[in-house]
Every structure is written in C-alpha cells, then in structure tokens.
C-alpha cells in the first residue's frame, strides 16, 4: 500500500473511483445520460478558452472505461484512496513540527551546528539513532491514522458501491485544458464516486 504524505508540485491530478450499474454504458449517448441526466453540460469559467461540452466529457470517460479490463476490488479501492487526499482526510498541518523526530533534529542542530544526516561522534550517532527511531514510529502511526480514515470513508460509500462495478479514472491539469476540466469540472458529480486528489 503506497501512501502520499507530502510533496511539492505546480500541477494537480485526481483519481475518481466511479461505480457503474451493470450493464456498463457502451455508447457515448448512454454515458451522457448517465453522467449528465439533467441535459446539456458545459463548463462556464473564465479560466479556460475552450470549455468542454457534456459530449466531450462523456466520450472521454467512455474511452477510458473501455481500456479497463476488470472492476476494482474493495481492497484496490482502499489502496487508491490512501495515495492522496480524500473527503475527511485527517489534516494535521503541524504534525511534523510538533513531532519528537523534529524536536530531536532541532536539538541536534543546536548542539552540533550541522544537520543530522552525517553523524560522526558517538554523541551525534546516539542522537541520530533517536531521531530515526522516532521518525519511523511517527510515520507508522500517521499511516495507521490515514488508513483508518480511508476505511471509514469507503465503509460509508460501500452501501452504494458494493453492488456496482467500480473503475478508476485519472486526470491531470498539467496535460492541457481538456484534462484540467475533466479533473475540475465535476464530471462525476451525478454518479456514485470517490475523489482522491493528488496536488
């Protein structure tokens, strides 16, 4: 299970776990009816020069659906959720700043005037060992916290998803206006889905 705990990026991407009734839509018009039951859809925003239409979006989703060979299992859905940010993600912006490992790193820097990565003396090595042990424990605890929140979300959604075929769709705003709108325009708002954001 891979988890995303921190990163720096100028672009974003999102994964959408979407539940479909059987039989799956086979044509663009069927997909339009499923995704946009209220009719015409067009993203109205000043940010994009060429807003996509409901047919553009439906055709793309259909194409991406047809490349997938089998529905996701519940475990595969959970594994996808924990790779990013999701509804009710346990935000703790000060987590590492208040952690024992961070405090140990600061202590090391104050004592020795250098970073903790290349300890030389026995005293430095002892403090570096203390840091590594604290860091491993904190990461393990944080992983448990995130997995627990992801399981809670999936359990909440499972009542509606368990009888559907679930597939994953991924779109990135770094791939151009079309895919930026696929990510941000609420294409899946009218169907059962879970969104996982990777900023």
Protein backbone atom coordinates (compact mmCIF):
# COMPACT_ATOMS: atom_id res chain seq x y z
CA UNK A 1 0.00 0.00 0.00
CA UNK A 2 1.54 3.29 -1.09
CA UNK A 3 0.73 6.47 0.78
CA UNK A 4 1.23 10.09 -0.12
CA UNK A 5 2.41 12.09 2.89
CA UNK A 6 3.97 15.18 1.34
CA UNK A 7 5.09 16.70 -1.95
CA UNK A 8 5.83 19.82 -3.95
CA UNK A 9 4.18 20.28 -7.33
CA UNK A 10 2.85 23.03 -9.58
CA UNK A 11 0.22 20.76 -11.09
CA UNK A 12 -2.52 18.57 -9.74
CA UNK A 13 -4.17 15.33 -10.67
CA UNK A 14 -7.18 13.48 -9.34
CA UNK A 15 -8.35 9.91 -9.33
CA UNK A 16 -12.06 9.14 -9.42
CA UNK A 17 -13.40 5.80 -8.27
CA UNK A 18 -16.73 5.57 -10.09
CA UNK A 19 -19.47 3.00 -9.60
CA UNK A 20 -21.47 1.85 -12.66
CA UNK A 21 -24.58 -0.30 -12.80
CA UNK A 22 -24.44 -3.42 -14.95
CA UNK A 23 -24.63 -3.45 -17.93
CA UNK A 24 -21.97 -0.81 -18.43
CA UNK A 25 -22.62 2.05 -20.86
CA UNK A 26 -21.44 1.13 -24.34
CA UNK A 27 -22.09 4.31 -26.30
CA UNK A 28 -21.37 7.99 -25.80
CA UNK A 29 -25.09 8.77 -25.64
CA UNK A 30 -25.55 6.22 -22.85
CA UNK A 31 -22.64 7.77 -20.97
CA UNK A 32 -24.10 11.27 -21.46
CA UNK A 33 -27.38 10.09 -19.99
CA UNK A 34 -25.60 8.59 -17.01
CA UNK A 35 -23.20 11.45 -16.23
CA UNK A 36 -25.49 14.35 -17.18
CA UNK A 37 -29.11 13.28 -16.60
CA UNK A 38 -30.28 16.90 -16.47
CA UNK A 39 -29.17 17.52 -20.02
CA UNK A 40 -26.65 19.89 -21.58
CA UNK A 41 -23.48 20.44 -19.66
CA UNK A 42 -20.78 22.98 -20.34
CA UNK A 43 -18.15 24.35 -18.04
CA UNK A 44 -18.70 28.07 -17.76
CA UNK A 45 -15.49 29.58 -16.46
CA UNK A 46 -13.15 32.38 -17.32
CA UNK A 47 -10.14 30.14 -16.77
CA UNK A 48 -10.48 28.08 -19.95
CA UNK A 49 -10.50 29.31 -23.53
CA UNK A 50 -12.41 26.30 -24.80
CA UNK A 51 -14.90 24.91 -22.26
CA UNK A 52 -15.69 21.25 -22.86
CA UNK A 53 -19.23 20.06 -23.53
CA UNK A 54 -21.14 17.18 -21.98
CA UNK A 55 -20.45 15.07 -25.08
CA UNK A 56 -16.70 15.78 -24.94
CA UNK A 57 -16.57 14.68 -21.31
CA UNK A 58 -18.77 11.60 -21.82
CA UNK A 59 -16.77 10.41 -24.83
CA UNK A 60 -13.54 10.69 -22.85
CA UNK A 61 -14.94 8.78 -19.87
CA UNK A 62 -16.28 6.06 -22.20
CA UNK A 63 -12.92 5.74 -23.91
CA UNK A 64 -11.13 5.46 -20.56
CA UNK A 65 -13.68 2.95 -19.29
CA UNK A 66 -13.19 0.73 -22.33
CA UNK A 67 -9.43 0.47 -21.68
CA UNK A 68 -10.05 -1.17 -18.30
CA UNK A 69 -10.31 -4.93 -18.19
CA UNK A 70 -11.95 -5.60 -14.84
CA UNK A 71 -13.68 -3.75 -11.98
CA UNK A 72 -11.77 -2.80 -8.87
CA UNK A 73 -11.96 -4.89 -5.72
CA UNK A 74 -12.70 -3.26 -2.37
CA UNK A 75 -9.02 -3.60 -1.42
CA UNK A 76 -7.90 -1.95 -4.67
CA UNK A 77 -10.26 0.94 -3.98
CA UNK A 78 -8.83 1.37 -0.47
CA UNK A 79 -5.27 1.22 -1.83
CA UNK A 80 -6.17 4.01 -4.27
CA UNK A 81 -7.78 6.20 -1.61
CA UNK A 82 -4.73 6.25 0.67
CA UNK A 83 -2.44 7.51 -2.12
CA UNK A 84 -3.84 11.04 -1.91
CA UNK A 85 -6.22 13.43 -0.22
CA UNK A 86 -9.84 12.46 0.19
CA UNK A 87 -13.03 13.54 1.93
CA UNK A 88 -12.43 13.74 5.71
CA UNK A 89 -8.67 13.30 5.24
CA UNK A 90 -7.09 13.70 8.70
CA UNK A 91 -5.36 17.05 8.21
CA UNK A 92 -2.62 17.82 10.70
CA UNK A 93 -0.58 20.73 9.28
CA UNK A 94 1.59 20.98 12.40
CA UNK A 95 2.15 17.21 12.66
CA UNK A 96 5.85 17.11 11.87
CA UNK A 97 6.67 20.45 13.51
CA UNK A 98 5.37 19.14 16.83
CA UNK A 99 6.78 15.64 16.46
CA UNK A 100 9.50 14.06 18.55
CA UNK A 101 11.65 13.49 15.47
CA UNK A 102 11.52 17.16 14.53
CA UNK A 103 12.39 18.22 18.07
CA UNK A 104 15.31 15.78 18.05
CA UNK A 105 16.52 17.18 14.74
CA UNK A 106 16.39 20.71 16.16
CA UNK A 107 18.26 19.61 19.26
CA UNK A 108 20.97 18.07 17.08
CA UNK A 109 21.33 21.25 15.02
CA UNK A 110 21.53 23.43 18.11
CA UNK A 111 24.13 21.20 19.77
CA UNK A 112 26.36 20.48 16.82
CA UNK A 113 25.64 23.26 14.34
CA UNK A 114 25.03 20.83 11.49
CA UNK A 115 22.32 18.63 10.02
CA UNK A 116 21.62 15.20 11.44
CA UNK A 117 22.36 13.20 8.31
CA UNK A 118 26.11 12.63 8.77
CA UNK A 119 26.81 12.00 12.47
CA UNK A 120 30.44 11.37 13.38
CA UNK A 121 30.93 11.33 17.15
CA UNK A 122 29.28 8.79 19.50
CA UNK A 123 27.05 11.54 20.93
CA UNK A 124 25.96 12.60 17.44
CA UNK A 125 25.27 8.99 16.43
CA UNK A 126 23.19 8.43 19.56
CA UNK A 127 21.01 11.44 18.82
CA UNK A 128 20.72 10.49 15.15
CA UNK A 129 19.60 7.00 16.17
CA UNK A 130 16.97 8.53 18.47
CA UNK A 131 15.76 10.66 15.55
CA UNK A 132 15.45 7.70 13.17
CA UNK A 133 13.51 5.62 15.70
CA UNK A 134 11.09 8.48 16.38
CA UNK A 135 10.66 9.20 12.67
CA UNK A 136 9.84 5.56 11.84
CA UNK A 137 7.29 5.35 14.65
CA UNK A 138 5.64 8.64 13.67
CA UNK A 139 5.35 7.58 10.03
CA UNK A 140 3.84 4.26 11.07
CA UNK A 141 1.35 5.99 13.37
CA UNK A 142 0.47 8.52 10.67
CA UNK A 143 -0.06 5.75 8.12
CA UNK A 144 -2.46 4.00 10.51
CA UNK A 145 -4.35 7.25 11.01
CA UNK A 146 -4.74 7.84 7.25
CA UNK A 147 -5.70 4.23 6.53
CA UNK A 148 -8.32 4.33 9.29
CA UNK A 149 -9.83 7.50 7.78
CA UNK A 150 -9.79 5.94 4.29
CA UNK A 151 -11.51 2.80 5.57
CA UNK A 152 -14.15 4.93 7.27
CA UNK A 153 -14.82 6.78 4.01
CA UNK A 154 -15.00 3.57 1.99
CA UNK A 155 -17.31 1.94 4.54
CA UNK A 156 -19.60 4.97 4.30
CA UNK A 157 -19.68 4.75 0.48
CA UNK A 158 -19.75 0.96 0.27
CA UNK A 159 -23.51 0.68 0.74
CA UNK A 160 -23.96 2.25 -2.70
CA UNK A 161 -20.80 0.94 -4.36
CA UNK A 162 -20.87 -2.73 -3.37
CA UNK A 163 -23.48 -3.67 -5.97
CA UNK A 164 -21.83 -1.64 -8.72
CA UNK A 165 -18.81 -2.18 -10.93
CA UNK A 166 -16.14 0.29 -9.86
CA UNK A 167 -13.47 1.68 -12.15
CA UNK A 168 -10.76 4.30 -11.71
CA UNK A 169 -10.32 7.39 -13.87
CA UNK A 170 -7.32 9.71 -13.59
CA UNK A 171 -6.99 13.23 -14.97
CA UNK A 172 -4.21 15.79 -14.60
CA UNK A 173 -4.41 19.54 -15.16
CA UNK A 174 -0.83 19.50 -16.41
CA UNK A 175 -1.93 17.73 -19.60
CA UNK A 176 -3.78 20.70 -21.07
CA UNK A 177 -7.12 22.48 -20.77
CA UNK A 178 -9.22 19.49 -21.72
CA UNK A 179 -7.86 17.27 -18.97
CA UNK A 180 -7.81 20.14 -16.47
CA UNK A 181 -11.56 20.44 -16.99
CA UNK A 182 -12.02 16.68 -16.74
CA UNK A 183 -10.36 16.94 -13.35
CA UNK A 184 -12.04 20.08 -12.02
CA UNK A 185 -15.41 20.45 -13.76
CA UNK A 186 -17.46 18.00 -11.70
CA UNK A 187 -17.85 15.43 -14.47
CA UNK A 188 -18.76 12.68 -11.98
CA UNK A 189 -20.97 14.73 -9.67
CA UNK A 190 -24.16 12.92 -10.71
CA UNK A 191 -22.86 9.38 -10.15
CA UNK A 192 -21.58 7.50 -7.12
CA UNK A 193 -17.88 8.20 -6.85
CA UNK A 194 -14.92 8.84 -4.57
CA UNK A 195 -12.43 11.52 -5.49
CA UNK A 196 -8.77 11.28 -4.49
CA UNK A 197 -6.76 14.44 -5.04
CA UNK A 198 -3.02 14.46 -5.77
CA UNK A 199 -1.86 18.08 -5.62
